Amino acid sequence: MSEKVEIPKDIQKLSFESALAELENIVRDLEDGSGELEGAIKAFERGTLLKRHCAVKLAEAEARIEKILPGADGEPALEPAEFD
């Protein structure tokens, strides 16, 4: 059973690149292992949310590309993708 977790507004505002950079920093810090346990748990939780945000951004980009590719006459067609 998976719960739907709301991504915090501060993360939602991040671009894919910014979220990925922050996630990479968190991973680096966790791999270093020099912090306290509570801090590591909070960093892991934030990293999980950043990973979800990045996955959503990638899915949106993929959907936009898929909207561009299929043209009626074989030529690329430009239609705006709609996201919920």
C-alpha atoms as a PDB file:
ATOM      1  CA  MET A   1       0.000   0.000   0.000  1.00  0.00           C
ATOM      2  CA  SER A   2       1.525   3.284  -1.025  1.00  0.00           C
ATOM      3  CA  GLU A   3       0.455   6.601   0.403  1.00  0.00           C
ATOM      4  CA  LYS A   4       0.273   9.667  -1.782  1.00  0.00           C
ATOM      5  CA  VAL A   5       2.683  12.170  -0.277  1.00  0.00           C
ATOM      6  CA  GLU A   6       2.286  15.864  -1.040  1.00  0.00           C
ATOM      7  CA  ILE A   7       5.446  17.479  -2.369  1.00  0.00           C
ATOM      8  CA  PRO A   8       6.108  20.668  -0.368  1.00  0.00           C
ATOM      9  CA  LYS A   9       5.679  24.006  -2.150  1.00  0.00           C
ATOM     10  CA  ASP A  10       9.352  24.923  -1.772  1.00  0.00           C
ATOM     11  CA  ILE A  11      10.306  21.801  -3.718  1.00  0.00           C
ATOM     12  CA  GLN A  12       7.527  22.265  -6.292  1.00  0.00           C
ATOM     13  CA  LYS A  13       9.000  25.678  -7.139  1.00  0.00           C
ATOM     14  CA  LEU A  14      12.398  24.184  -8.006  1.00  0.00           C
ATOM     15  CA  SER A  15      13.439  23.579 -11.577  1.00  0.00           C
ATOM     16  CA  PHE A  16      14.472  20.048 -12.499  1.00  0.00           C
ATOM     17  CA  GLU A  17      18.122  21.102 -12.534  1.00  0.00           C
ATOM     18  CA  SER A  18      17.963  22.773  -9.110  1.00  0.00           C
ATOM     19  CA  ALA A  19      16.164  19.820  -7.545  1.00  0.00           C
ATOM     20  CA  LEU A  20      18.645  17.372  -9.055  1.00  0.00           C
ATOM     21  CA  ALA A  21      21.613  19.416  -7.810  1.00  0.00           C
ATOM     22  CA  GLU A  22      20.167  19.501  -4.284  1.00  0.00           C
ATOM     23  CA  LEU A  23      19.471  15.765  -4.436  1.00  0.00           C
ATOM     24  CA  GLU A  24      23.059  15.098  -5.534  1.00  0.00           C
ATOM     25  CA  ASN A  25      24.332  17.153  -2.579  1.00  0.00           C
ATOM     26  CA  ILE A  26      22.128  15.201  -0.175  1.00  0.00           C
ATOM     27  CA  VAL A  27      23.362  11.884  -1.556  1.00  0.00           C
ATOM     28  CA  ARG A  28      26.975  13.055  -1.266  1.00  0.00           C
ATOM     29  CA  ASP A  29      26.429  14.132   2.347  1.00  0.00           C
ATOM     30  CA  LEU A  30      24.682  10.876   3.254  1.00  0.00           C
ATOM     31  CA  GLU A  31      27.449   8.821   1.651  1.00  0.00           C
ATOM     32  CA  ASP A  32      29.995  10.798   3.689  1.00  0.00           C
ATOM     33  CA  GLY A  33      28.228   9.586   6.831  1.00  0.00           C
ATOM     34  CA  SER A  34      29.655  12.267   9.084  1.00  0.00           C
ATOM     35  CA  GLY A  35      26.352  13.812  10.203  1.00  0.00           C
ATOM     36  CA  GLU A  36      24.014  12.907  13.022  1.00  0.00           C
ATOM     37  CA  LEU A  37      21.313  10.277  12.610  1.00  0.00           C
ATOM     38  CA  GLU A  38      18.377  12.692  12.923  1.00  0.00           C
ATOM     39  CA  GLY A  39      19.884  15.002  10.320  1.00  0.00           C
ATOM     40  CA  ALA A  40      20.496  12.056   8.006  1.00  0.00           C
ATOM     41  CA  ILE A  41      16.874  10.940   8.343  1.00  0.00           C
ATOM     42  CA  LYS A  42      15.592  14.429   7.519  1.00  0.00           C
ATOM     43  CA  ALA A  43      17.978  14.673   4.569  1.00  0.00           C
ATOM     44  CA  PHE A  44      16.823  11.259   3.332  1.00  0.00           C
ATOM     45  CA  GLU A  45      13.173  12.335   3.573  1.00  0.00           C
ATOM     46  CA  ARG A  46      13.881  15.530   1.621  1.00  0.00           C
ATOM     47  CA  GLY A  47      15.896  13.549  -0.902  1.00  0.00           C
ATOM     48  CA  THR A  48      12.941  11.238  -1.451  1.00  0.00           C
ATOM     49  CA  LEU A  49      10.685  14.232  -2.125  1.00  0.00           C
ATOM     50  CA  LEU A  50      13.248  15.772  -4.474  1.00  0.00           C
ATOM     51  CA  LYS A  51      13.496  12.476  -6.354  1.00  0.00           C
ATOM     52  CA  ARG A  52       9.705  12.412  -6.767  1.00  0.00           C
ATOM     53  CA  HIS A  53       9.715  16.004  -7.986  1.00  0.00           C
ATOM     54  CA  CYS A  54      12.414  15.203 -10.544  1.00  0.00           C
ATOM     55  CA  ALA A  55      10.433  12.166 -11.730  1.00  0.00           C
ATOM     56  CA  VAL A  56       7.328  14.337 -12.208  1.00  0.00           C
ATOM     57  CA  LYS A  57       9.323  16.944 -14.148  1.00  0.00           C
ATOM     58  CA  LEU A  58      10.773  14.232 -16.396  1.00  0.00           C
ATOM     59  CA  ALA A  59       7.327  12.725 -17.003  1.00  0.00           C
ATOM     60  CA  GLU A  60       5.979  16.161 -17.936  1.00  0.00           C
ATOM     61  CA  ALA A  61       8.857  16.721 -20.359  1.00  0.00           C
ATOM     62  CA  GLU A  62       8.304  13.284 -21.886  1.00  0.00           C
ATOM     63  CA  ALA A  63       4.597  14.009 -22.344  1.00  0.00           C
ATOM     64  CA  ARG A  64       5.417  17.301 -24.071  1.00  0.00           C
ATOM     65  CA  ILE A  65       7.810  15.556 -26.421  1.00  0.00           C
ATOM     66  CA  GLU A  66       5.233  12.878 -27.160  1.00  0.00           C
ATOM     67  CA  LYS A  67       2.731  15.621 -27.982  1.00  0.00           C
ATOM     68  CA  ILE A  68       5.161  17.123 -30.505  1.00  0.00           C
ATOM     69  CA  LEU A  69       6.177  13.914 -32.283  1.00  0.00           C
ATOM     70  CA  PRO A  70       3.020  12.402 -33.781  1.00  0.00           C
ATOM     71  CA  GLY A  71       1.937  14.494 -36.760  1.00  0.00           C
ATOM     72  CA  ALA A  72      -1.045  13.642 -38.989  1.00  0.00           C
ATOM     73  CA  ASP A  73       1.091  13.716 -42.134  1.00  0.00           C
ATOM     74  CA  GLY A  74       4.264  12.365 -40.587  1.00  0.00           C
ATOM     75  CA  GLU A  75       5.578  15.857 -39.879  1.00  0.00           C
ATOM     76  CA  PRO A  76       6.030  17.050 -36.309  1.00  0.00           C
ATOM     77  CA  ALA A  77       2.933  18.710 -34.947  1.00  0.00           C
ATOM     78  CA  LEU A  78       3.040  21.219 -32.114  1.00  0.00           C
ATOM     79  CA  GLU A  79       0.228  20.804 -29.623  1.00  0.00           C
ATOM     80  CA  PRO A  80       0.473  22.012 -26.050  1.00  0.00           C
ATOM     81  CA  ALA A  81       0.444  19.191 -23.541  1.00  0.00           C
ATOM     82  CA  GLU A  82      -1.919  19.531 -20.595  1.00  0.00           C
ATOM     83  CA  PHE A  83      -0.897  18.423 -17.121  1.00  0.00           C
ATOM     84  CA  ASP A  84      -3.089  17.941 -14.088  1.00  0.00           C
END
